[in-house]
Amino acid sequence: MSGNARAGFGSADITPRGGPISLTGQWEARVTEEIRNPLMACAMVIQSDSARTIWVACDLAVIVKSFSDEVKRLLRASLPGFEDSQLILSATHIHTGPEPTMDSPEFIPVETENSGSLKNAIPPDECCRQAALGVEQAVLNAASSLAPSCFEAAVSYTITGVSRRVAYKDGTGQMYGALHTPQLAGMEGRDGGPMQMIYVRRMSDSRLTGIIAAVPCPAQADEMARYVTADYWATVREVIKKEWGEGVVVLGLSRSAGDLSPHTMIDDGKLINKMYGEDGAAIMGRRVGKAVVRAADEAVALYGQDAAYKHICAYESLPLWSVTRDEYEDAKAYLANAAKGGAGTLEEMTAYATAEVRVKNYERAPNECSANFHAVRIGDIALITNPFELFIEYADRIRMACPEAQVIDVQLAGDDYLGYLPTQRAINAGGYSAQIYACSCDAKGGDMVVEKSTALIKSLFE
């Protein structure tokens, strides 16, 4: 257990430059040269006499292995004493940034129309290279600003992410499903919980240098846009800059929100649409930014330079989504007669991807994947990461299993992206986000994530 913590923050632009950009996150191709606001890497470094945490929040859809490998390669050469286990990369989950190179053997994306658009845009490898250089610069900026610091915690119950999976009376479910129907049974899960913040102040003058803001809402308010944008985090940064000046960096984190989104569902309506008939990302950004500002006045739990500080990096084996023998045989027969990737409709493409993943999972030995987790303790606060779009039920279970800590769960963080991690209820209901082609693991893996995350958190306090 380490005390004497110093902290520093830095940021850098990671927007791809040099040509059109193919945007990720939707079924259809979107290629643009318009940059509405820059994509950023925001870095925090915490260092004590015996430990160091380097956390970089990136305005990207996901973190993939080729990207994390490149960042590590750069930092090994430029940051003295760097070790791979010190680095946490997390994504804000924008749908208006560059296409990643999906090179993970654990995950097969659906081959959509977007797959053919890259020939007219900056190649994914070049986007990766530019973004990695930006991350490196953000880390070096943070490391150069290290100073003895104290930490304050706060929460805000401002509404951000809401449940996006609709449940029907026949037991089925669908992401963004129809609501105005007599078959509606309600929303499958609950809306997001509170925002959680940590305010970091330099001890010499009490100056605010950085803010950890964990929001249970992916940054996809502008997910259909045809321009590059950091989504609601761009507006959050403007709000923070106006309140505290240029030098305060916001480490924007997505709490577990695999079944959540910023789009109103049950509470939508004509009056609300009329009241908020402007840019959704700006609305959400102001809501989040103002909540961060207000919560600072109520921050408690002051941890000084001698605060308990510990960082654990772990790799755990999780079972791939299980496939029965009958499913395997049916999938092989389907693939033998189907056009590569499907014939073009969304239903055909997802059917092909489903069959492809079933064959892969059944034939793979061992039938498991490796998942990267990080656990960081600051005083009585524990931050725990996962590499999934994690359904909120799992995060609830983790937090309730660890009453000794104020737990901040963070999704889409680590070395690689492992898809959605749905609950058994969602799998039974079906629909996108709860089917094998969009996931590495099923609910058995979810139970193991709860178990392993809980064990990591508890080990922070031993």
Protein backbone atom coordinates (compact mmCIF):
# COMPACT_ATOMS: atom_id res chain seq x y z
CA MET A 1 0.00 0.00 0.00
CA SER A 2 1.48 3.34 -1.06
CA GLY A 3 1.06 6.85 0.22
CA ASN A 4 2.79 10.10 -0.79
CA ALA A 5 0.67 10.31 -3.93
CA ARG A 6 1.43 12.90 -6.56
CA ALA A 7 -0.90 13.56 -9.46
CA GLY A 8 -0.74 15.31 -12.81
CA PHE A 9 -3.05 15.86 -15.77
CA GLY A 10 -2.52 16.51 -19.45
CA SER A 11 -4.39 16.40 -22.75
CA ALA A 12 -3.71 16.26 -26.47
CA ASP A 13 -5.58 16.18 -29.78
CA ILE A 14 -6.08 12.71 -31.32
CA THR A 15 -8.21 13.73 -34.32
CA PRO A 16 -7.03 11.99 -37.51
CA ARG A 17 -5.65 14.47 -40.04
CA GLY A 18 -4.81 14.19 -43.71
CA GLY A 19 -8.03 13.22 -45.44
CA PRO A 20 -11.62 12.06 -45.04
CA ILE A 21 -12.49 10.04 -41.94
CA SER A 22 -14.71 6.96 -41.94
CA LEU A 23 -16.92 7.19 -38.86
CA THR A 24 -17.59 4.15 -36.73
CA GLY A 25 -20.63 3.07 -34.77
CA GLN A 26 -23.50 2.66 -37.24
CA TRP A 27 -24.63 0.21 -39.89
CA GLU A 28 -24.23 2.53 -42.88
CA ALA A 29 -21.12 4.20 -44.28
CA ARG A 30 -20.38 7.73 -43.07
CA VAL A 31 -17.26 9.42 -44.45
CA THR A 32 -16.58 13.05 -43.64
CA GLU A 33 -14.00 15.83 -43.73
CA GLU A 34 -15.95 18.04 -41.30
CA ILE A 35 -14.49 18.29 -37.81
CA ARG A 36 -17.07 19.89 -35.51
CA ASN A 37 -14.73 19.74 -32.50
CA PRO A 38 -11.49 17.86 -31.84
CA LEU A 39 -11.20 14.39 -30.41
CA MET A 40 -9.07 14.42 -27.28
CA ALA A 41 -6.95 12.18 -25.09
CA CYS A 42 -7.18 13.29 -21.46
CA ALA A 43 -4.57 11.76 -19.18
CA MET A 44 -4.12 11.42 -15.45
CA VAL A 45 -0.93 10.14 -13.82
CA ILE A 46 -0.88 9.19 -10.13
CA GLN A 47 2.50 8.24 -8.74
CA SER A 48 3.86 7.29 -5.35
CA ASP A 49 7.20 5.96 -4.20
CA SER A 50 6.32 2.45 -5.37
CA ALA A 51 3.41 2.61 -7.79
CA ARG A 52 2.14 4.52 -10.81
CA THR A 53 -1.20 4.71 -12.60
CA ILE A 54 -1.45 6.18 -16.10
CA TRP A 55 -5.09 6.56 -17.10
CA VAL A 56 -6.02 8.02 -20.48
CA ALA A 57 -9.64 8.64 -21.50
CA CYS A 58 -9.87 8.71 -25.30
CA ASP A 59 -12.60 10.11 -27.52
CA LEU A 60 -12.95 6.82 -29.37
CA ALA A 61 -15.69 4.22 -29.73
CA VAL A 62 -13.65 1.41 -28.19
CA ILE A 63 -10.09 0.47 -27.24
CA VAL A 64 -8.67 -2.24 -29.52
CA LYS A 65 -5.48 -4.26 -29.14
CA SER A 66 -3.60 -2.71 -32.07
CA PHE A 67 -4.13 0.72 -30.51
CA SER A 68 -3.16 -0.22 -26.97
CA ASP A 69 -0.08 -2.07 -28.27
CA GLU A 70 1.05 1.02 -30.18
CA VAL A 71 0.56 3.30 -27.19
CA LYS A 72 2.61 0.96 -25.00
CA ARG A 73 5.36 0.80 -27.61
CA LEU A 74 5.61 4.59 -27.68
CA LEU A 75 5.59 4.98 -23.89
CA ARG A 76 8.29 2.35 -23.40
CA ALA A 77 10.59 4.60 -25.42
CA SER A 78 9.54 8.01 -24.07
CA LEU A 79 8.49 7.61 -20.43
CA PRO A 80 11.20 6.47 -17.99
CA GLY A 81 10.19 3.51 -15.87
CA PHE A 82 7.05 2.78 -17.87
CA GLU A 83 5.53 -0.68 -17.44
CA ASP A 84 2.59 -2.02 -19.45
CA SER A 85 0.64 -2.81 -16.28
CA GLN A 86 0.59 0.89 -15.32
CA LEU A 87 -1.49 1.90 -18.35
CA ILE A 88 -5.28 2.12 -18.44
CA LEU A 89 -6.86 3.20 -21.72
CA SER A 90 -10.59 3.85 -21.74
CA ALA A 91 -13.03 5.01 -24.42
CA THR A 92 -15.81 7.58 -24.09
CA HIS A 93 -17.66 5.52 -26.75
CA ILE A 94 -18.31 8.18 -29.36
CA HIS A 95 -19.92 7.07 -32.63
CA THR A 96 -18.41 9.98 -34.54
CA GLY A 97 -14.73 9.08 -34.64
CA PRO A 98 -12.43 6.88 -36.74
CA GLU A 99 -13.02 3.23 -37.57
CA PRO A 100 -10.85 0.97 -35.37
CA THR A 101 -8.92 -2.02 -36.65
CA MET A 102 -10.93 -4.91 -35.20
CA ASP A 103 -8.10 -7.41 -34.90
CA SER A 104 -9.20 -9.29 -31.79
CA PRO A 105 -9.72 -13.05 -32.22
CA GLU A 106 -12.44 -12.87 -29.55
CA PHE A 107 -14.79 -10.64 -31.49
CA ILE A 108 -16.16 -10.77 -35.05
CA PRO A 109 -17.97 -7.57 -36.10
CA VAL A 110 -20.82 -7.64 -38.57
CA GLU A 111 -19.55 -6.78 -42.05
CA THR A 112 -21.72 -3.75 -42.72
CA GLU A 113 -21.67 -1.19 -45.49
CA ASN A 114 -19.06 0.72 -43.51
CA SER A 115 -16.54 -2.05 -44.16
CA GLY A 116 -16.10 -0.92 -47.77
CA SER A 117 -15.79 2.78 -47.09
CA LEU A 118 -12.22 2.77 -45.83
CA LYS A 119 -10.66 2.90 -49.30
CA ASN A 120 -11.85 6.52 -49.57
CA ALA A 121 -10.74 7.52 -46.09
CA ILE A 122 -7.67 7.65 -43.89
CA PRO A 123 -6.74 3.97 -43.26
CA PRO A 124 -7.49 2.64 -39.76
CA ASP A 125 -3.80 1.95 -39.14
CA GLU A 126 -2.96 5.60 -39.81
CA CYS A 127 -5.79 6.77 -37.55
CA CYS A 128 -4.39 4.45 -34.88
CA ARG A 129 -0.87 5.84 -35.31
CA GLN A 130 -1.99 9.46 -35.02
CA ALA A 131 -4.21 8.76 -32.02
CA ALA A 132 -1.44 6.84 -30.26
CA LEU A 133 0.94 9.77 -30.73
CA GLY A 134 -1.67 12.05 -29.18
CA VAL A 135 -2.10 9.71 -26.22
CA GLU A 136 1.67 9.62 -25.73
CA GLN A 137 1.78 13.43 -25.67
CA ALA A 138 -1.10 13.63 -23.19
CA VAL A 139 0.68 11.19 -20.87
CA LEU A 140 3.97 13.10 -21.10
CA ASN A 141 2.12 16.34 -20.34
CA ALA A 142 0.51 14.74 -17.29
CA ALA A 143 3.75 13.20 -16.06
CA SER A 144 5.54 16.56 -16.33
CA SER A 145 2.94 18.22 -14.09
CA LEU A 146 3.11 15.79 -11.16
CA ALA A 147 2.65 17.50 -7.81
CA PRO A 148 1.61 16.48 -4.27
CA SER A 149 -2.18 16.38 -4.48
CA CYS A 150 -5.32 15.77 -2.50
CA PHE A 151 -8.55 14.14 -3.65
CA GLU A 152 -12.19 15.05 -2.98
CA ALA A 153 -15.20 12.89 -3.87
CA ALA A 154 -18.73 13.80 -4.86
CA VAL A 155 -21.81 12.34 -6.53
CA SER A 156 -24.57 13.86 -8.63
CA TYR A 157 -27.96 12.29 -9.28
CA THR A 158 -28.42 14.21 -12.52
CA ILE A 159 -30.14 12.02 -15.12
CA THR A 160 -27.80 10.99 -17.92
CA GLY A 161 -28.04 7.45 -19.33
CA VAL A 162 -31.46 5.82 -19.63
CA SER A 163 -32.48 2.24 -20.36
CA ARG A 164 -32.60 1.62 -24.11
CA ARG A 165 -33.87 -1.96 -24.23
CA VAL A 166 -37.64 -2.27 -24.54
CA ALA A 167 -39.40 -5.36 -23.13
CA TYR A 168 -42.58 -6.78 -24.64
CA LYS A 169 -45.37 -8.95 -23.24
CA ASP A 170 -44.34 -11.94 -25.35
CA GLY A 171 -40.96 -12.05 -23.61
CA THR A 172 -38.95 -10.51 -26.45
CA GLY A 173 -36.87 -7.37 -26.25
CA GLN A 174 -35.23 -4.89 -28.57
CA MET A 175 -32.75 -2.06 -28.29
CA TYR A 176 -34.59 1.21 -29.12
CA GLY A 177 -37.72 -0.88 -29.72
CA ALA A 178 -41.18 0.51 -30.45
CA LEU A 179 -42.88 2.04 -27.41
CA HIS A 180 -46.32 3.09 -28.64
CA THR A 181 -47.75 -0.42 -28.79
CA PRO A 182 -50.14 -2.41 -26.58
CA GLN A 183 -47.44 -5.12 -26.48
CA LEU A 184 -45.19 -2.89 -24.36
CA ALA A 185 -44.27 -4.44 -21.00
CA GLY A 186 -41.87 -1.68 -19.98
CA MET A 187 -38.15 -1.11 -20.08
CA GLU A 188 -35.98 -4.17 -19.52
CA GLY A 189 -33.67 -2.55 -16.95
CA ARG A 190 -33.34 0.55 -14.85
CA ASP A 191 -31.94 3.93 -15.87
CA GLY A 192 -28.40 4.94 -14.97
CA GLY A 193 -27.32 5.75 -11.45
CA PRO A 194 -25.39 8.75 -10.18
CA MET A 195 -22.44 10.47 -11.73
CA GLN A 196 -19.35 10.04 -9.56
CA MET A 197 -16.57 12.62 -9.40
CA ILE A 198 -13.12 12.94 -7.88
CA TYR A 199 -11.66 16.44 -7.77
CA VAL A 200 -7.85 16.57 -7.65
CA ARG A 201 -6.20 19.64 -6.11
CA ARG A 202 -2.56 20.60 -5.87
CA MET A 203 -1.66 20.75 -2.20
CA SER A 204 0.70 23.72 -2.45
CA ASP A 205 -2.05 26.16 -3.46
CA SER A 206 -5.31 24.11 -3.45
CA ARG A 207 -5.61 24.72 -7.19
CA LEU A 208 -7.91 22.32 -9.04
CA THR A 209 -5.83 20.50 -11.67
CA GLY A 210 -8.08 17.68 -12.81
CA ILE A 211 -11.44 16.00 -12.42
CA ILE A 212 -12.34 12.34 -12.74
CA ALA A 213 -15.94 12.33 -13.98
CA ALA A 214 -17.57 8.89 -14.28
CA VAL A 215 -20.92 9.12 -16.07
CA PRO A 216 -23.31 6.17 -16.60
CA CYS A 217 -23.91 7.16 -20.21
CA PRO A 218 -21.96 6.46 -23.42
CA ALA A 219 -21.05 9.51 -25.51
CA GLN A 220 -23.43 8.85 -28.38
CA ALA A 221 -25.93 11.67 -28.24
CA ASP A 222 -24.81 12.58 -31.78
CA GLU A 223 -24.31 8.99 -32.89
CA MET A 224 -25.94 9.51 -36.31
CA ALA A 225 -23.96 12.67 -37.12
CA ARG A 226 -21.92 12.92 -40.29
CA TYR A 227 -19.12 14.96 -38.79
CA VAL A 228 -16.32 14.34 -36.31
CA THR A 229 -17.20 15.30 -32.75
CA ALA A 230 -16.32 14.34 -29.19
CA ASP A 231 -20.07 14.28 -28.57
CA TYR A 232 -21.24 15.59 -25.19
CA TRP A 233 -17.72 15.63 -23.73
CA ALA A 234 -16.87 18.56 -26.01
CA THR A 235 -19.52 20.67 -24.28
CA VAL A 236 -18.54 19.35 -20.83
CA ARG A 237 -15.01 20.63 -21.45
CA GLU A 238 -16.35 24.03 -22.46
CA VAL A 239 -18.38 24.25 -19.25
CA ILE A 240 -15.38 23.26 -17.12
CA LYS A 241 -13.11 25.71 -18.94
CA LYS A 242 -15.57 28.54 -18.36
CA GLU A 243 -15.82 27.71 -14.66
CA TRP A 244 -12.20 26.88 -13.77
CA GLY A 245 -10.02 27.94 -16.68
CA GLU A 246 -7.94 26.27 -19.36
CA GLY A 247 -5.70 24.23 -17.08
CA VAL A 248 -8.31 21.86 -15.59
CA VAL A 249 -8.40 18.51 -17.40
CA VAL A 250 -11.47 16.28 -17.25
CA LEU A 251 -10.86 12.53 -17.29
CA GLY A 252 -14.21 11.53 -18.79
CA LEU A 253 -15.14 7.94 -17.97
CA SER A 254 -18.14 5.84 -18.94
CA ARG A 255 -19.63 3.92 -16.07
CA SER A 256 -21.15 0.59 -17.04
CA ALA A 257 -23.88 1.36 -19.57
CA GLY A 258 -24.20 -1.49 -22.06
CA ASP A 259 -27.99 -1.24 -21.89
CA LEU A 260 -28.11 2.57 -21.49
CA SER A 261 -27.93 5.54 -23.84
CA PRO A 262 -28.40 9.33 -23.72
CA HIS A 263 -31.58 9.13 -25.83
CA THR A 264 -34.88 9.60 -24.01
CA MET A 265 -37.19 6.61 -24.25
CA ILE A 266 -40.20 6.22 -21.93
CA ASP A 267 -40.01 9.88 -20.89
CA ASP A 268 -39.91 11.17 -24.47
CA GLY A 269 -42.82 13.20 -25.79
CA LYS A 270 -43.94 16.14 -27.90
CA LEU A 271 -43.50 18.72 -25.14
CA ILE A 272 -40.01 17.47 -24.25
CA ASN A 273 -39.02 17.44 -27.91
CA LYS A 274 -40.24 21.01 -28.24
CA MET A 275 -38.40 22.11 -25.10
CA TYR A 276 -35.15 20.44 -26.12
CA GLY A 277 -35.28 20.70 -29.89
CA GLU A 278 -31.58 21.41 -30.32
CA ASP A 279 -28.33 19.50 -30.51
CA GLY A 280 -28.62 16.50 -28.19
CA ALA A 281 -24.90 16.41 -27.45
CA ALA A 282 -24.93 20.05 -26.35
CA ILE A 283 -27.91 19.44 -24.07
CA MET A 284 -26.29 16.42 -22.45
CA GLY A 285 -22.92 18.17 -22.25
CA ARG A 286 -24.36 21.15 -20.40
CA ARG A 287 -26.26 18.83 -18.07
CA VAL A 288 -23.14 16.83 -17.23
CA GLY A 289 -20.83 19.84 -17.07
CA LYS A 290 -23.09 21.83 -14.78
CA ALA A 291 -23.56 18.79 -12.54
CA VAL A 292 -19.77 18.46 -12.22
CA VAL A 293 -19.52 22.14 -11.26
CA ARG A 294 -22.38 21.99 -8.73
CA ALA A 295 -21.13 18.81 -7.10
CA ALA A 296 -17.74 20.39 -6.38
CA ASP A 297 -19.36 22.57 -3.73
CA GLU A 298 -20.61 19.45 -1.94
CA ALA A 299 -17.48 17.32 -2.32
CA VAL A 300 -16.49 15.32 0.75
CA ALA A 301 -13.97 12.65 1.70
CA LEU A 302 -10.77 14.67 1.49
CA TYR A 303 -7.79 12.39 0.94
CA GLY A 304 -4.38 14.00 1.30
CA GLN A 305 -0.99 13.04 -0.04
CA ASP A 306 -0.83 10.19 2.48
CA ALA A 307 -4.04 8.59 1.15
CA ALA A 308 -3.91 4.85 0.67
CA TYR A 309 -3.12 4.25 -2.99
CA LYS A 310 -2.84 0.93 -4.82
CA HIS A 311 -3.12 -0.24 -8.42
CA ILE A 312 -3.71 -3.83 -9.55
CA CYS A 313 -3.64 -4.97 -13.19
CA ALA A 314 -5.06 -8.44 -13.84
CA TYR A 315 -5.82 -10.71 -16.77
CA GLU A 316 -8.63 -13.19 -16.26
CA SER A 317 -9.88 -16.03 -18.47
CA LEU A 318 -13.61 -15.89 -19.20
CA PRO A 319 -15.70 -18.48 -21.06
CA LEU A 320 -16.76 -17.58 -24.58
CA TRP A 321 -20.49 -17.53 -25.30
CA SER A 322 -21.44 -21.21 -25.14
CA VAL A 323 -22.68 -22.99 -28.26
CA THR A 324 -24.56 -26.31 -28.35
CA ARG A 325 -23.75 -29.10 -30.78
CA ASP A 326 -27.04 -28.53 -32.64
CA GLU A 327 -26.31 -24.80 -32.97
CA TYR A 328 -22.85 -25.63 -34.29
CA GLU A 329 -24.09 -28.04 -36.92
CA ASP A 330 -26.84 -25.66 -38.03
CA ALA A 331 -24.30 -22.83 -38.29
CA LYS A 332 -21.92 -24.89 -40.44
CA ALA A 333 -24.76 -25.84 -42.78
CA TYR A 334 -25.84 -22.20 -43.05
CA LEU A 335 -22.33 -20.96 -43.86
CA ALA A 336 -21.89 -23.63 -46.53
CA ASN A 337 -24.81 -22.21 -48.50
CA ALA A 338 -24.73 -18.49 -47.68
CA ALA A 339 -22.97 -15.70 -49.53
CA LYS A 340 -19.90 -14.39 -47.71
CA GLY A 341 -21.00 -11.88 -45.09
CA GLY A 342 -24.66 -12.25 -46.04
CA ALA A 343 -26.39 -10.90 -49.10
CA GLY A 344 -26.62 -7.31 -47.93
CA THR A 345 -29.67 -6.84 -45.73
CA LEU A 346 -29.07 -6.26 -42.03
CA GLU A 347 -30.92 -9.46 -41.14
CA GLU A 348 -28.77 -11.50 -43.52
CA MET A 349 -25.54 -9.91 -42.32
CA THR A 350 -26.34 -10.54 -38.67
CA ALA A 351 -27.45 -14.11 -39.43
CA TYR A 352 -24.12 -14.76 -41.16
CA ALA A 353 -22.16 -13.21 -38.28
CA THR A 354 -24.14 -15.29 -35.78
CA ALA A 355 -23.30 -18.50 -37.63
CA GLU A 356 -19.65 -17.51 -38.00
CA VAL A 357 -19.25 -16.81 -34.28
CA ARG A 358 -21.03 -20.02 -33.29
CA VAL A 359 -18.60 -22.07 -35.37
CA LYS A 360 -15.61 -20.15 -34.03
CA ASN A 361 -16.66 -20.50 -30.40
CA TYR A 362 -17.49 -24.20 -30.66
CA GLU A 363 -14.22 -25.10 -32.39
CA ARG A 364 -11.93 -22.93 -30.31
CA ALA A 365 -9.83 -24.66 -27.68
CA PRO A 366 -9.64 -23.57 -25.00
CA ASN A 367 -13.10 -22.06 -25.29
CA GLU A 368 -12.25 -18.85 -23.47
CA CYS A 369 -11.02 -15.29 -23.88
CA SER A 370 -8.65 -13.11 -21.89
CA ALA A 371 -10.07 -9.99 -20.24
CA ASN A 372 -7.98 -7.16 -18.81
CA PHE A 373 -9.11 -5.58 -15.53
CA HIS A 374 -7.63 -2.75 -13.45
CA ALA A 375 -8.45 -1.87 -9.85
CA VAL A 376 -7.22 1.42 -8.35
CA ARG A 377 -7.63 2.52 -4.76
CA ILE A 378 -7.55 6.16 -3.63
CA GLY A 379 -8.42 6.35 0.06
CA ASP A 380 -11.81 4.63 0.42
CA ILE A 381 -12.57 4.92 -3.30
CA ALA A 382 -12.07 1.94 -5.62
CA LEU A 383 -12.13 2.30 -9.40
CA ILE A 384 -12.70 -0.99 -11.22
CA THR A 385 -12.53 -1.38 -15.01
CA ASN A 386 -13.91 -3.86 -17.50
CA PRO A 387 -13.41 -4.23 -21.29
CA PHE A 388 -17.10 -4.63 -22.16
CA GLU A 389 -20.21 -2.61 -22.82
CA LEU A 390 -21.36 -3.94 -19.48
CA PHE A 391 -25.05 -4.14 -18.61
CA ILE A 392 -25.74 -2.08 -15.51
CA GLU A 393 -27.03 -5.03 -13.46
CA TYR A 394 -23.51 -6.45 -13.23
CA ALA A 395 -22.10 -3.13 -12.00
CA ASP A 396 -24.85 -2.94 -9.37
CA ARG A 397 -23.92 -6.40 -8.14
CA ILE A 398 -20.22 -5.50 -7.93
CA ARG A 399 -20.85 -2.33 -5.96
CA MET A 400 -23.24 -3.98 -3.52
CA ALA A 401 -20.74 -6.78 -2.89
CA CYS A 402 -18.11 -4.26 -1.74
CA PRO A 403 -19.62 -2.13 1.05
CA GLU A 404 -16.13 -1.32 2.33
CA ALA A 405 -15.49 0.96 -0.65
CA GLN A 406 -17.06 3.69 -2.73
CA VAL A 407 -16.89 1.82 -6.03
CA ILE A 408 -16.63 3.58 -9.38
CA ASP A 409 -17.13 1.11 -12.22
CA VAL A 410 -15.70 1.98 -15.64
CA GLN A 411 -16.53 0.13 -18.85
CA LEU A 412 -14.68 0.01 -22.20
CA ALA A 413 -11.29 0.12 -20.51
CA GLY A 414 -8.21 -2.06 -20.84
CA ASP A 415 -6.22 -3.66 -23.64
CA ASP A 416 -9.02 -4.72 -25.99
CA TYR A 417 -12.75 -4.57 -26.70
CA LEU A 418 -14.86 -7.64 -25.91
CA GLY A 419 -18.30 -6.46 -27.05
CA TYR A 420 -21.50 -6.25 -25.02
CA LEU A 421 -21.95 -8.29 -21.86
CA PRO A 422 -25.71 -8.81 -21.50
CA THR A 423 -27.73 -10.33 -18.67
CA GLN A 424 -29.54 -13.65 -18.99
CA ARG A 425 -32.83 -11.76 -19.10
CA ALA A 426 -31.61 -9.80 -22.11
CA ILE A 427 -30.27 -12.93 -23.82
CA ASN A 428 -33.64 -14.64 -23.36
CA ALA A 429 -35.38 -11.62 -24.87
CA GLY A 430 -32.99 -11.33 -27.82
CA GLY A 431 -32.34 -8.27 -29.91
CA TYR A 432 -29.12 -6.43 -30.73
CA SER A 433 -26.68 -6.10 -27.80
CA ALA A 434 -27.80 -9.50 -26.46
CA GLN A 435 -26.89 -11.82 -29.33
CA ILE A 436 -23.75 -13.84 -29.88
CA TYR A 437 -22.41 -11.83 -32.84
CA ALA A 438 -22.16 -8.68 -30.67
CA CYS A 439 -20.65 -10.34 -27.61
CA SER A 440 -17.65 -12.37 -26.51
CA CYS A 441 -19.33 -13.79 -23.38
CA ASP A 442 -22.81 -14.71 -22.26
CA ALA A 443 -24.28 -14.37 -18.76
CA LYS A 444 -21.91 -17.03 -17.38
CA GLY A 445 -19.10 -14.65 -18.24
CA GLY A 446 -21.05 -11.84 -16.61
CA ASP A 447 -21.27 -13.78 -13.35
CA MET A 448 -17.51 -14.32 -13.49
CA VAL A 449 -16.89 -10.62 -14.13
CA VAL A 450 -18.83 -9.84 -10.95
CA GLU A 451 -16.86 -12.44 -9.01
CA LYS A 452 -13.44 -11.40 -10.28
CA SER A 453 -14.11 -7.66 -10.02
CA THR A 454 -15.32 -8.08 -6.45
CA ALA A 455 -12.20 -10.05 -5.54
CA LEU A 456 -9.93 -7.38 -7.06
CA ILE A 457 -11.67 -4.60 -5.15
CA LYS A 458 -11.44 -6.48 -1.87
CA SER A 459 -7.73 -7.14 -2.45
CA LEU A 460 -7.18 -3.39 -2.63
CA PHE A 461 -8.18 -3.18 1.05
CA GLU A 462 -6.19 -6.11 2.39
